């Protein structure tokens, strides 16, 4: 189990965050952001590229990787890496919070929310005098389908 608690990107106080706010408007970045928010969830960079090319022919894969890195750095996208090692992306902050259960055998991932775990994480943070603003929980193991094989 990996628990990562990160600080928010707002208000813009760090150099990286200020760079996000001051970044020049980019049609390519806007298209990539639209793809992430289109309802397709957990897309890898190749899938984002494929969908983005439908909207903006000629967009390059390197542009997609740069834009995804930028969007993740600004908190507008979130990255997670399942068992297959291929990074997946989803919109950051716009969807309801959820955690991921990731099968290390087949790579399947399940979105999950458990109020008891959320309360436990809040207690853990409070015990250490920490005020979390967001977090990401990924649990790695074997899914029911693989366990039955």
Protein backbone atom coordinates (compact mmCIF):
# COMPACT_ATOMS: atom_id res chain seq x y z
CA UNK A 1 0.00 0.00 0.00
CA UNK A 2 1.30 3.43 -0.93
CA UNK A 3 -0.12 6.61 0.58
CA UNK A 4 0.99 9.87 -0.92
CA UNK A 5 -0.20 13.13 0.59
CA UNK A 6 0.64 16.17 -1.50
CA UNK A 7 0.16 19.86 -1.02
CA UNK A 8 -2.35 21.68 -3.23
CA UNK A 9 -1.33 23.80 -6.19
CA UNK A 10 -3.52 26.69 -4.97
CA UNK A 11 -2.96 29.35 -3.87
CA UNK A 12 -0.08 29.92 -6.24
CA UNK A 13 2.89 30.33 -3.93
CA UNK A 14 5.59 28.09 -5.37
CA UNK A 15 7.60 28.94 -8.46
CA UNK A 16 6.11 25.96 -10.29
CA UNK A 17 2.58 27.02 -9.39
CA UNK A 18 3.20 30.61 -10.45
CA UNK A 19 4.51 29.27 -13.74
CA UNK A 20 1.20 27.42 -14.17
CA UNK A 21 -0.76 30.59 -13.60
CA UNK A 22 1.45 32.64 -15.90
CA UNK A 23 1.70 30.00 -18.63
CA UNK A 24 0.81 31.13 -22.08
CA UNK A 25 -2.51 29.87 -23.45
CA UNK A 26 -2.02 26.91 -25.76
CA UNK A 27 -4.62 25.40 -28.09
CA UNK A 28 -2.78 22.06 -27.93
CA UNK A 29 -2.83 22.02 -24.12
CA UNK A 30 -6.49 23.01 -24.16
CA UNK A 31 -7.34 20.08 -26.49
CA UNK A 32 -5.45 17.64 -24.25
CA UNK A 33 -7.29 18.99 -21.22
CA UNK A 34 -10.60 18.53 -23.09
CA UNK A 35 -9.67 14.93 -23.90
CA UNK A 36 -8.99 14.22 -20.21
CA UNK A 37 -12.36 15.72 -19.31
CA UNK A 38 -14.29 13.97 -22.09
CA UNK A 39 -15.50 11.11 -19.95
CA UNK A 40 -12.85 8.59 -21.00
CA UNK A 41 -11.12 7.68 -17.78
CA UNK A 42 -7.61 6.51 -17.05
CA UNK A 43 -6.15 7.17 -20.47
CA UNK A 44 -2.47 6.57 -21.14
CA UNK A 45 -0.48 9.12 -23.15
CA UNK A 46 -0.92 7.17 -26.40
CA UNK A 47 -4.69 7.12 -25.92
CA UNK A 48 -4.71 10.84 -25.11
CA UNK A 49 -2.67 11.43 -28.28
CA UNK A 50 -5.09 9.34 -30.38
CA UNK A 51 -8.12 11.27 -29.08
CA UNK A 52 -6.36 14.65 -29.35
CA UNK A 53 -5.49 14.00 -33.02
CA UNK A 54 -9.20 13.64 -33.77
CA UNK A 55 -9.68 17.20 -32.54
CA UNK A 56 -6.39 18.70 -33.66
CA UNK A 57 -4.73 16.77 -36.49
CA UNK A 58 -0.96 16.99 -36.46
CA UNK A 59 -0.55 17.23 -32.69
CA UNK A 60 2.60 15.32 -31.73
CA UNK A 61 3.10 12.74 -29.03
CA UNK A 62 5.91 14.82 -27.47
CA UNK A 63 3.46 17.71 -27.12
CA UNK A 64 1.02 15.37 -25.36
CA UNK A 65 3.70 14.22 -22.89
CA UNK A 66 4.76 17.81 -22.15
CA UNK A 67 1.15 18.94 -21.70
CA UNK A 68 0.32 16.01 -19.40
CA UNK A 69 3.37 16.81 -17.26
CA UNK A 70 2.32 20.46 -17.13
CA UNK A 71 -1.32 19.65 -16.29
CA UNK A 72 -0.27 17.25 -13.51
CA UNK A 73 2.12 19.84 -12.11
CA UNK A 74 -0.68 22.39 -11.98
CA UNK A 75 -3.15 20.01 -10.36
CA UNK A 76 -5.39 19.97 -13.44
CA UNK A 77 -4.65 16.29 -14.07
CA UNK A 78 -3.65 13.33 -11.97
CA UNK A 79 -1.29 10.50 -12.89
CA UNK A 80 -1.19 7.00 -11.54
CA UNK A 81 0.85 4.02 -12.64
CA UNK A 82 -0.81 0.59 -12.46
CA UNK A 83 0.98 -2.77 -12.52
CA UNK A 84 1.65 -2.64 -16.27
CA UNK A 85 3.95 0.35 -15.66
CA UNK A 86 2.11 2.58 -18.15
CA UNK A 87 1.11 5.91 -16.62
CA UNK A 88 -2.62 6.70 -16.77
CA UNK A 89 -4.18 10.13 -16.50
CA UNK A 90 -7.48 11.53 -15.30
CA UNK A 91 -8.79 15.03 -14.61
CA UNK A 92 -7.53 16.49 -11.36
CA UNK A 93 -9.94 17.95 -8.85
CA UNK A 94 -13.05 17.88 -11.03
CA UNK A 95 -14.16 14.36 -10.18
CA UNK A 96 -15.15 13.00 -6.81
CA UNK A 97 -12.23 11.70 -4.79
CA UNK A 98 -11.49 8.01 -5.20
CA UNK A 99 -8.68 5.58 -4.55
CA UNK A 100 -7.40 2.78 -6.77
CA UNK A 101 -7.13 -0.98 -6.28
CA UNK A 102 -4.58 -2.24 -8.81
CA UNK A 103 -4.08 -5.89 -9.79
CA UNK A 104 -0.38 -6.71 -10.15
CA UNK A 105 -1.21 -9.74 -12.27
CA UNK A 106 -3.50 -8.46 -15.04
CA UNK A 107 -3.20 -4.68 -14.54
CA UNK A 108 -6.92 -4.18 -13.88
CA UNK A 109 -7.74 -1.25 -11.67
CA UNK A 110 -10.83 -0.46 -9.66
CA UNK A 111 -11.91 2.94 -8.39
CA UNK A 112 -12.95 2.67 -4.76
CA UNK A 113 -14.12 4.93 -1.94
CA UNK A 114 -14.37 3.83 1.68
CA UNK A 115 -15.47 6.37 4.30
CA UNK A 116 -13.76 4.38 7.08
CA UNK A 117 -10.39 4.63 5.30
CA UNK A 118 -10.92 8.34 4.71
CA UNK A 119 -11.59 8.87 8.44
CA UNK A 120 -8.51 6.81 9.35
CA UNK A 121 -6.34 8.95 7.08
CA UNK A 122 -7.73 12.10 8.69
CA UNK A 123 -6.91 10.71 12.16
CA UNK A 124 -3.39 9.79 11.04
CA UNK A 125 -2.78 13.29 9.74
CA UNK A 126 -4.25 14.92 12.86
CA UNK A 127 -2.05 12.75 15.10
CA UNK A 128 0.97 14.26 13.38
CA UNK A 129 -0.40 17.81 13.34
CA UNK A 130 -0.75 17.65 9.57
CA UNK A 131 -3.60 19.24 7.62
CA UNK A 132 -4.01 17.30 4.36
CA UNK A 133 -5.57 19.03 1.41
CA UNK A 134 -5.64 16.02 -0.88
CA UNK A 135 -4.19 12.55 -1.13
CA UNK A 136 -3.84 9.55 -3.37
CA UNK A 137 -4.19 5.95 -2.19
CA UNK A 138 -3.19 3.01 -4.38
CA UNK A 139 -3.50 -0.57 -3.13
CA UNK A 140 -1.66 -3.23 -5.12
CA UNK A 141 -2.64 -6.89 -5.03
CA UNK A 142 -4.46 -9.64 -6.92
CA UNK A 143 -8.00 -9.10 -8.25
CA UNK A 144 -10.75 -11.69 -7.77
CA UNK A 145 -10.43 -12.85 -11.39
CA UNK A 146 -6.72 -13.55 -11.10
CA UNK A 147 -7.03 -15.08 -7.62
CA UNK A 148 -9.54 -17.60 -8.97
CA UNK A 149 -7.18 -18.84 -11.68
